[in-house]
Amino acid sequence: MHSAASARAGPMDMSRIRRYSVQVMRMVRPLFTQTTDGDLEEWETRRSRYSPGSLNALCSSTKFSRKEIQAIYHGFKQDCPNGSVTKEKFKELYSQFFPLGDARTYSGHVYDTLDKNEDGNVTFEQFIVAMSVISRGSADEKLRWIFNLYDINGDGYISPDEMLEIVKSIYDMLGKRSHPSVDDDTAQDHADRIFRKMDLNDDGLVTFEEFQEVCKNDTDISRSMELFSTALQ
């Protein structure tokens, strides 16, 4: 989303964005496994546990085909047989991709963005709708999703503290792969530079419109957004 920096404020930040913006899609890639006729039969008949909505409804609310939805569901149910995933389970699965760092905080923020009704369970429908936006949504839909990730308290604005929280969680996630190595001052400086770039009217808050304008008009940030479209290809 999840934003830029070089030696001063450009490429270095963008390399971070290019890494973390695609991490959600890394979770999806293993789910595109071959499905079987049995999966479709189970889809239509299982009632003892959580049962996903109809394939037609999910096709209408996403940009995936019936076969793609079946394949994603096949992978989803292997890790989440009850049809939904808790925050702790999500953190556990996400952390597997970052053995050299601590992805718990960042993955927790990703989870909160997925958990629209804030009930502590992300259903297959919530999961696949988000994946559709991230992988095949319009530029504005993807930017909105990333903005919501940064907008931790959901008030419609990104504050300096929220920017710092996400930046720190990204550095923690990258761990030993983070260059240069990070301390609190590094993360603070990084977050401050990003925030100043985004806060176009200097009122101490970043709106979606400001976020959108900077992302669309900054070449480095625009390139990072392309990863959402290519991550599954």
C-alpha atoms as a PDB file:
ATOM      1  CA  MET A   1       0.000   0.000   0.000  1.00  0.00           C
ATOM      2  CA  HIS A   2       0.994   0.637   0.928  1.00  0.00           C
ATOM      3  CA  SER A   3       5.862   6.426   0.132  1.00  0.00           C
ATOM      4  CA  ALA A   4       9.236   7.146  -1.271  1.00  0.00           C
ATOM      5  CA  ALA A   5      12.913   7.858  -0.420  1.00  0.00           C
ATOM      6  CA  SER A   6      16.336   7.687  -1.953  1.00  0.00           C
ATOM      7  CA  ALA A   7      19.437   8.713  -0.236  1.00  0.00           C
ATOM      8  CA  ARG A   8      17.101  11.574   0.700  1.00  0.00           C
ATOM      9  CA  ALA A   9      13.490  10.721  -0.019  1.00  0.00           C
ATOM     10  CA  GLY A  10      12.789   8.695  -3.136  1.00  0.00           C
ATOM     11  CA  PRO A  11      14.057   5.307  -4.382  1.00  0.00           C
ATOM     12  CA  MET A  12      14.858   3.851  -0.981  1.00  0.00           C
ATOM     13  CA  ASP A  13      11.301   4.231   0.195  1.00  0.00           C
ATOM     14  CA  MET A  14       9.993   2.958  -3.101  1.00  0.00           C
ATOM     15  CA  SER A  15      12.048  -0.208  -2.830  1.00  0.00           C
ATOM     16  CA  ARG A  16      10.350  -0.774   0.510  1.00  0.00           C
ATOM     17  CA  ILE A  17       6.941  -0.141  -1.022  1.00  0.00           C
ATOM     18  CA  ARG A  18       7.642  -2.456  -3.915  1.00  0.00           C
ATOM     19  CA  ARG A  19       8.497  -5.172  -1.411  1.00  0.00           C
ATOM     20  CA  TYR A  20       5.671  -4.807   1.033  1.00  0.00           C
ATOM     21  CA  SER A  21       2.886  -3.862  -1.368  1.00  0.00           C
ATOM     22  CA  VAL A  22       3.222  -7.249  -3.049  1.00  0.00           C
ATOM     23  CA  GLN A  23       3.451  -9.321   0.124  1.00  0.00           C
ATOM     24  CA  VAL A  24      -0.286  -9.826   0.348  1.00  0.00           C
ATOM     25  CA  MET A  25      -0.183 -11.251  -3.149  1.00  0.00           C
ATOM     26  CA  ARG A  26       2.579 -13.629  -2.134  1.00  0.00           C
ATOM     27  CA  MET A  27       0.079 -15.196   0.205  1.00  0.00           C
ATOM     28  CA  VAL A  28      -2.327 -15.743  -2.645  1.00  0.00           C
ATOM     29  CA  ARG A  29       0.103 -17.279  -5.126  1.00  0.00           C
ATOM     30  CA  PRO A  30       0.269 -20.695  -3.369  1.00  0.00           C
ATOM     31  CA  LEU A  31      -3.531 -20.811  -3.306  1.00  0.00           C
ATOM     32  CA  PHE A  32      -3.756 -21.048  -7.077  1.00  0.00           C
ATOM     33  CA  THR A  33      -3.456 -24.814  -7.019  1.00  0.00           C
ATOM     34  CA  GLN A  34      -5.263 -27.244  -9.219  1.00  0.00           C
ATOM     35  CA  THR A  35      -8.837 -27.848  -8.132  1.00  0.00           C
ATOM     36  CA  THR A  36     -10.848 -31.033  -8.484  1.00  0.00           C
ATOM     37  CA  ASP A  37     -14.459 -31.929  -9.177  1.00  0.00           C
ATOM     38  CA  GLY A  38     -14.708 -32.909  -5.534  1.00  0.00           C
ATOM     39  CA  ASP A  39     -14.047 -29.321  -4.503  1.00  0.00           C
ATOM     40  CA  LEU A  40     -17.041 -28.080  -6.474  1.00  0.00           C
ATOM     41  CA  GLU A  41     -19.225 -30.821  -5.047  1.00  0.00           C
ATOM     42  CA  GLU A  42     -18.115 -29.940  -1.531  1.00  0.00           C
ATOM     43  CA  TRP A  43     -18.778 -26.273  -2.265  1.00  0.00           C
ATOM     44  CA  GLU A  44     -22.389 -27.041  -3.072  1.00  0.00           C
ATOM     45  CA  THR A  45     -23.082 -29.598  -0.340  1.00  0.00           C
ATOM     46  CA  ARG A  46     -21.087 -28.946   2.839  1.00  0.00           C
ATOM     47  CA  ARG A  47     -23.216 -27.492   5.605  1.00  0.00           C
ATOM     48  CA  SER A  48     -21.652 -28.693   8.844  1.00  0.00           C
ATOM     49  CA  ARG A  49     -19.069 -25.893   8.807  1.00  0.00           C
ATOM     50  CA  TYR A  50     -18.972 -22.440   7.297  1.00  0.00           C
ATOM     51  CA  SER A  51     -20.164 -22.561   3.703  1.00  0.00           C
ATOM     52  CA  PRO A  52     -19.066 -19.927   1.188  1.00  0.00           C
ATOM     53  CA  GLY A  53     -21.550 -18.030  -0.920  1.00  0.00           C
ATOM     54  CA  SER A  54     -22.531 -19.186  -4.355  1.00  0.00           C
ATOM     55  CA  LEU A  55     -19.946 -19.206  -7.093  1.00  0.00           C
ATOM     56  CA  ASN A  56     -22.098 -16.953  -9.223  1.00  0.00           C
ATOM     57  CA  ALA A  57     -22.321 -14.356  -6.457  1.00  0.00           C
ATOM     58  CA  LEU A  58     -18.563 -14.421  -5.918  1.00  0.00           C
ATOM     59  CA  CYS A  59     -17.938 -14.108  -9.653  1.00  0.00           C
ATOM     60  CA  SER A  60     -20.163 -11.035  -9.654  1.00  0.00           C
ATOM     61  CA  SER A  61     -18.400  -9.414  -6.697  1.00  0.00           C
ATOM     62  CA  THR A  62     -14.852 -10.200  -7.878  1.00  0.00           C
ATOM     63  CA  LYS A  63     -12.882 -10.275 -11.110  1.00  0.00           C
ATOM     64  CA  PHE A  64     -12.098 -13.977 -10.820  1.00  0.00           C
ATOM     65  CA  SER A  65     -13.602 -16.757 -12.919  1.00  0.00           C
ATOM     66  CA  ARG A  66     -15.462 -19.723 -11.436  1.00  0.00           C
ATOM     67  CA  LYS A  67     -12.405 -21.955 -11.913  1.00  0.00           C
ATOM     68  CA  GLU A  68     -10.113 -19.417 -10.276  1.00  0.00           C
ATOM     69  CA  ILE A  69     -12.435 -19.053  -7.284  1.00  0.00           C
ATOM     70  CA  GLN A  70     -12.604 -22.828  -6.905  1.00  0.00           C
ATOM     71  CA  ALA A  71      -8.803 -23.044  -7.048  1.00  0.00           C
ATOM     72  CA  ILE A  72      -8.341 -20.300  -4.449  1.00  0.00           C
ATOM     73  CA  TYR A  73     -10.936 -21.914  -2.210  1.00  0.00           C
ATOM     74  CA  HIS A  74      -9.169 -25.260  -2.525  1.00  0.00           C
ATOM     75  CA  GLY A  75      -6.008 -23.693  -1.106  1.00  0.00           C
ATOM     76  CA  PHE A  76      -7.828 -21.550   1.463  1.00  0.00           C
ATOM     77  CA  LYS A  77      -9.660 -24.460   3.043  1.00  0.00           C
ATOM     78  CA  GLN A  78      -6.434 -26.445   3.466  1.00  0.00           C
ATOM     79  CA  ASP A  79      -5.132 -23.847   5.915  1.00  0.00           C
ATOM     80  CA  CYS A  80      -8.558 -22.716   7.132  1.00  0.00           C
ATOM     81  CA  PRO A  81     -10.872 -25.751   7.110  1.00  0.00           C
ATOM     82  CA  ASN A  82     -13.579 -23.898   9.018  1.00  0.00           C
ATOM     83  CA  GLY A  83     -13.915 -21.419   6.180  1.00  0.00           C
ATOM     84  CA  SER A  84     -12.503 -18.402   8.002  1.00  0.00           C
ATOM     85  CA  VAL A  85      -9.157 -17.341   9.425  1.00  0.00           C
ATOM     86  CA  THR A  86      -8.444 -15.739  12.775  1.00  0.00           C
ATOM     87  CA  LYS A  87      -5.949 -12.965  13.273  1.00  0.00           C
ATOM     88  CA  GLU A  88      -3.433 -15.211  15.015  1.00  0.00           C
ATOM     89  CA  LYS A  89      -3.649 -17.852  12.282  1.00  0.00           C
ATOM     90  CA  PHE A  90      -3.240 -15.177   9.618  1.00  0.00           C
ATOM     91  CA  LYS A  91      -0.138 -13.833  11.361  1.00  0.00           C
ATOM     92  CA  GLU A  92       1.262 -17.359  11.562  1.00  0.00           C
ATOM     93  CA  LEU A  93       0.717 -17.986   7.839  1.00  0.00           C
ATOM     94  CA  TYR A  94       2.034 -14.569   6.822  1.00  0.00           C
ATOM     95  CA  SER A  95       5.157 -14.858   8.962  1.00  0.00           C
ATOM     96  CA  GLN A  96       6.266 -17.917   7.010  1.00  0.00           C
ATOM     97  CA  PHE A  97       7.276 -15.575   4.180  1.00  0.00           C
ATOM     98  CA  PHE A  98       9.578 -13.522   6.430  1.00  0.00           C
ATOM     99  CA  PRO A  99      11.737 -15.897   8.493  1.00  0.00           C
ATOM    100  CA  LEU A 100      14.424 -13.224   8.995  1.00  0.00           C
ATOM    101  CA  GLY A 101      12.055 -10.617  10.386  1.00  0.00           C
ATOM    102  CA  ASP A 102       8.994 -10.163  12.553  1.00  0.00           C
ATOM    103  CA  ALA A 103       5.880  -9.841  10.392  1.00  0.00           C
ATOM    104  CA  ARG A 104       3.342 -10.059  13.212  1.00  0.00           C
ATOM    105  CA  THR A 105       2.587  -6.346  13.490  1.00  0.00           C
ATOM    106  CA  TYR A 106       2.396  -5.694   9.758  1.00  0.00           C
ATOM    107  CA  SER A 107       0.311  -8.793   9.079  1.00  0.00           C
ATOM    108  CA  GLY A 108      -1.992  -7.720  11.897  1.00  0.00           C
ATOM    109  CA  HIS A 109      -2.640  -4.451  10.077  1.00  0.00           C
ATOM    110  CA  VAL A 110      -3.251  -6.323   6.824  1.00  0.00           C
ATOM    111  CA  TYR A 111      -5.723  -8.549   8.666  1.00  0.00           C
ATOM    112  CA  ASP A 112      -7.576  -5.567  10.106  1.00  0.00           C
ATOM    113  CA  THR A 113      -7.958  -4.193   6.582  1.00  0.00           C
ATOM    114  CA  LEU A 114      -9.484  -7.507   5.490  1.00  0.00           C
ATOM    115  CA  ASP A 115     -11.740  -7.869   8.546  1.00  0.00           C
ATOM    116  CA  LYS A 116     -14.378  -5.373   7.442  1.00  0.00           C
ATOM    117  CA  ASN A 117     -16.916  -6.194  10.137  1.00  0.00           C
ATOM    118  CA  GLU A 118     -14.273  -6.405  12.886  1.00  0.00           C
ATOM    119  CA  ASP A 119     -15.539  -9.708  14.289  1.00  0.00           C
ATOM    120  CA  GLY A 120     -12.127 -11.384  14.501  1.00  0.00           C
ATOM    121  CA  ASN A 121     -12.730 -13.741  11.590  1.00  0.00           C
ATOM    122  CA  VAL A 122     -11.941 -13.183   7.927  1.00  0.00           C
ATOM    123  CA  THR A 123     -14.224 -15.304   5.771  1.00  0.00           C
ATOM    124  CA  PHE A 124     -13.389 -16.683   2.368  1.00  0.00           C
ATOM    125  CA  GLU A 125     -15.646 -14.050   0.783  1.00  0.00           C
ATOM    126  CA  GLN A 126     -13.808 -11.209   2.536  1.00  0.00           C
ATOM    127  CA  PHE A 127     -10.485 -12.726   1.559  1.00  0.00           C
ATOM    128  CA  ILE A 128     -11.240 -13.247  -2.118  1.00  0.00           C
ATOM    129  CA  VAL A 129     -12.904  -9.843  -2.579  1.00  0.00           C
ATOM    130  CA  ALA A 130      -9.758  -8.187  -1.199  1.00  0.00           C
ATOM    131  CA  MET A 131      -7.530 -10.330  -3.405  1.00  0.00           C
ATOM    132  CA  SER A 132      -9.589  -9.344  -6.427  1.00  0.00           C
ATOM    133  CA  VAL A 133      -9.035  -5.662  -5.655  1.00  0.00           C
ATOM    134  CA  ILE A 134      -5.320  -6.109  -5.011  1.00  0.00           C
ATOM    135  CA  SER A 135      -4.619  -8.220  -8.080  1.00  0.00           C
ATOM    136  CA  ARG A 136      -7.178  -7.002 -10.626  1.00  0.00           C
ATOM    137  CA  GLY A 137      -8.771  -3.845  -9.326  1.00  0.00           C
ATOM    138  CA  SER A 138      -8.497  -0.461 -10.967  1.00  0.00           C
ATOM    139  CA  ALA A 139      -5.674   1.868  -9.981  1.00  0.00           C
ATOM    140  CA  ASP A 140      -8.044   3.809  -7.734  1.00  0.00           C
ATOM    141  CA  GLU A 141      -9.350   0.626  -6.082  1.00  0.00           C
ATOM    142  CA  LYS A 142      -5.809  -0.513  -5.306  1.00  0.00           C
ATOM    143  CA  LEU A 143      -4.856   2.892  -3.950  1.00  0.00           C
ATOM    144  CA  ARG A 144      -7.941   2.898  -1.737  1.00  0.00           C
ATOM    145  CA  TRP A 145      -6.987  -0.511  -0.349  1.00  0.00           C
ATOM    146  CA  ILE A 146      -3.445   0.654   0.455  1.00  0.00           C
ATOM    147  CA  PHE A 147      -4.768   3.878   1.978  1.00  0.00           C
ATOM    148  CA  ASN A 148      -7.069   1.866   4.241  1.00  0.00           C
ATOM    149  CA  LEU A 149      -4.057  -0.147   5.390  1.00  0.00           C
ATOM    150  CA  TYR A 150      -2.330   3.040   6.537  1.00  0.00           C
ATOM    151  CA  ASP A 151      -5.530   4.491   7.989  1.00  0.00           C
ATOM    152  CA  ILE A 152      -5.327   2.258  11.039  1.00  0.00           C
ATOM    153  CA  ASN A 153      -8.195   3.771  13.023  1.00  0.00           C
ATOM    154  CA  GLY A 154     -10.452   4.066   9.983  1.00  0.00           C
ATOM    155  CA  ASP A 155     -11.227   7.772  10.381  1.00  0.00           C
ATOM    156  CA  GLY A 156     -10.517   8.594   6.752  1.00  0.00           C
ATOM    157  CA  TYR A 157      -7.114  10.185   7.340  1.00  0.00           C
ATOM    158  CA  ILE A 158      -3.515   9.011   7.721  1.00  0.00           C
ATOM    159  CA  SER A 159      -1.855  10.630  10.712  1.00  0.00           C
ATOM    160  CA  PRO A 160       1.904  10.907  11.323  1.00  0.00           C
ATOM    161  CA  ASP A 161       1.605   8.252  14.047  1.00  0.00           C
ATOM    162  CA  GLU A 162      -0.177   5.870  11.681  1.00  0.00           C
ATOM    163  CA  MET A 163       2.457   6.425   9.013  1.00  0.00           C
ATOM    164  CA  LEU A 164       5.180   5.678  11.556  1.00  0.00           C
ATOM    165  CA  GLU A 165       3.386   2.567  12.793  1.00  0.00           C
ATOM    166  CA  ILE A 166       3.185   1.063   9.305  1.00  0.00           C
ATOM    167  CA  VAL A 167       6.749   2.037   8.377  1.00  0.00           C
ATOM    168  CA  LYS A 168       8.122   0.504  11.592  1.00  0.00           C
ATOM    169  CA  SER A 169       6.132  -2.667  11.031  1.00  0.00           C
ATOM    170  CA  ILE A 170       7.552  -2.944   7.510  1.00  0.00           C
ATOM    171  CA  TYR A 171      11.109  -2.579   8.761  1.00  0.00           C
ATOM    172  CA  ASP A 172      10.423  -5.177  11.459  1.00  0.00           C
ATOM    173  CA  MET A 173       9.050  -7.517   8.810  1.00  0.00           C
ATOM    174  CA  LEU A 174      12.063  -7.160   6.533  1.00  0.00           C
ATOM    175  CA  GLY A 175      14.398  -7.793   9.457  1.00  0.00           C
ATOM    176  CA  LYS A 176      17.951  -8.589   8.402  1.00  0.00           C
ATOM    177  CA  ARG A 177      17.049  -7.915   4.776  1.00  0.00           C
ATOM    178  CA  SER A 178      16.468  -4.246   5.561  1.00  0.00           C
ATOM    179  CA  HIS A 179      19.212  -1.965   4.225  1.00  0.00           C
ATOM    180  CA  PRO A 180      20.369   0.105   5.911  1.00  0.00           C
ATOM    181  CA  SER A 181      19.758  -1.627   9.218  1.00  0.00           C
ATOM    182  CA  VAL A 182      16.971   0.051  11.109  1.00  0.00           C
ATOM    183  CA  ASP A 183      16.641   1.666  14.485  1.00  0.00           C
ATOM    184  CA  ASP A 184      13.799   3.800  15.824  1.00  0.00           C
ATOM    185  CA  ASP A 185      15.393   6.994  14.500  1.00  0.00           C
ATOM    186  CA  THR A 186      15.696   5.538  10.999  1.00  0.00           C
ATOM    187  CA  ALA A 187      12.037   4.511  10.929  1.00  0.00           C
ATOM    188  CA  GLN A 188      10.952   7.884  12.289  1.00  0.00           C
ATOM    189  CA  ASP A 189      12.982   9.771   9.673  1.00  0.00           C
ATOM    190  CA  HIS A 190      11.645   7.542   6.918  1.00  0.00           C
ATOM    191  CA  ALA A 191       8.026   8.008   8.034  1.00  0.00           C
ATOM    192  CA  ASP A 192       8.471  11.781   8.352  1.00  0.00           C
ATOM    193  CA  ARG A 193       9.780  12.075   4.790  1.00  0.00           C
ATOM    194  CA  ILE A 194       6.936  10.018   3.381  1.00  0.00           C
ATOM    195  CA  PHE A 195       4.365  11.981   5.341  1.00  0.00           C
ATOM    196  CA  ARG A 196       5.703  15.367   4.251  1.00  0.00           C
ATOM    197  CA  LYS A 197       5.454  14.257   0.643  1.00  0.00           C
ATOM    198  CA  MET A 198       1.862  13.124   1.090  1.00  0.00           C
ATOM    199  CA  ASP A 199       0.566  16.016   3.216  1.00  0.00           C
ATOM    200  CA  LEU A 200       0.032  18.444   0.359  1.00  0.00           C
ATOM    201  CA  ASN A 201      -1.764  21.146   2.363  1.00  0.00           C
ATOM    202  CA  ASP A 202       0.435  20.817   5.469  1.00  0.00           C
ATOM    203  CA  ASP A 203      -2.506  20.321   7.829  1.00  0.00           C
ATOM    204  CA  GLY A 204      -0.957  17.352   9.618  1.00  0.00           C
ATOM    205  CA  LEU A 205      -3.220  14.728   8.029  1.00  0.00           C
ATOM    206  CA  VAL A 206      -3.219  12.895   4.703  1.00  0.00           C
ATOM    207  CA  THR A 207      -6.560  12.462   2.986  1.00  0.00           C
ATOM    208  CA  PHE A 208      -7.279   9.844   0.362  1.00  0.00           C
ATOM    209  CA  GLU A 209      -7.338  12.568  -2.276  1.00  0.00           C
ATOM    210  CA  GLU A 210      -3.829  13.697  -1.302  1.00  0.00           C
ATOM    211  CA  PHE A 211      -2.607  10.114  -1.178  1.00  0.00           C
ATOM    212  CA  GLN A 212      -4.158   9.418  -4.569  1.00  0.00           C
ATOM    213  CA  GLU A 213      -2.709  12.529  -6.191  1.00  0.00           C
ATOM    214  CA  VAL A 214       0.835  11.861  -5.003  1.00  0.00           C
ATOM    215  CA  CYS A 215       0.689   8.192  -5.990  1.00  0.00           C
ATOM    216  CA  LYS A 216      -0.600   8.981  -9.464  1.00  0.00           C
ATOM    217  CA  ASN A 217       1.875  11.774 -10.154  1.00  0.00           C
ATOM    218  CA  ASP A 218       5.016  10.239  -8.695  1.00  0.00           C
ATOM    219  CA  THR A 219       6.750   7.957 -11.203  1.00  0.00           C
ATOM    220  CA  ASP A 220       8.365   5.711  -8.593  1.00  0.00           C
ATOM    221  CA  ILE A 221       5.130   5.224  -6.688  1.00  0.00           C
ATOM    222  CA  SER A 222       3.216   4.547  -9.899  1.00  0.00           C
ATOM    223  CA  ARG A 223       5.700   1.798 -10.809  1.00  0.00           C
ATOM    224  CA  SER A 224       5.190   0.160  -7.437  1.00  0.00           C
ATOM    225  CA  MET A 225       1.448  -0.043  -8.079  1.00  0.00           C
ATOM    226  CA  GLU A 226       2.070  -2.110 -11.217  1.00  0.00           C
ATOM    227  CA  LEU A 227       3.266  -4.984  -9.044  1.00  0.00           C
ATOM    228  CA  PHE A 228      -0.307  -5.611  -7.956  1.00  0.00           C
ATOM    229  CA  SER A 229      -1.242  -6.377 -11.551  1.00  0.00           C
ATOM    230  CA  THR A 230       1.751  -8.606 -12.298  1.00  0.00           C
ATOM    231  CA  ALA A 231       2.185 -10.518  -9.042  1.00  0.00           C
ATOM    232  CA  LEU A 232      -0.027 -13.393 -10.158  1.00  0.00           C
ATOM    233  CA  GLN A 233       1.156 -13.597 -13.754  1.00  0.00           C
END
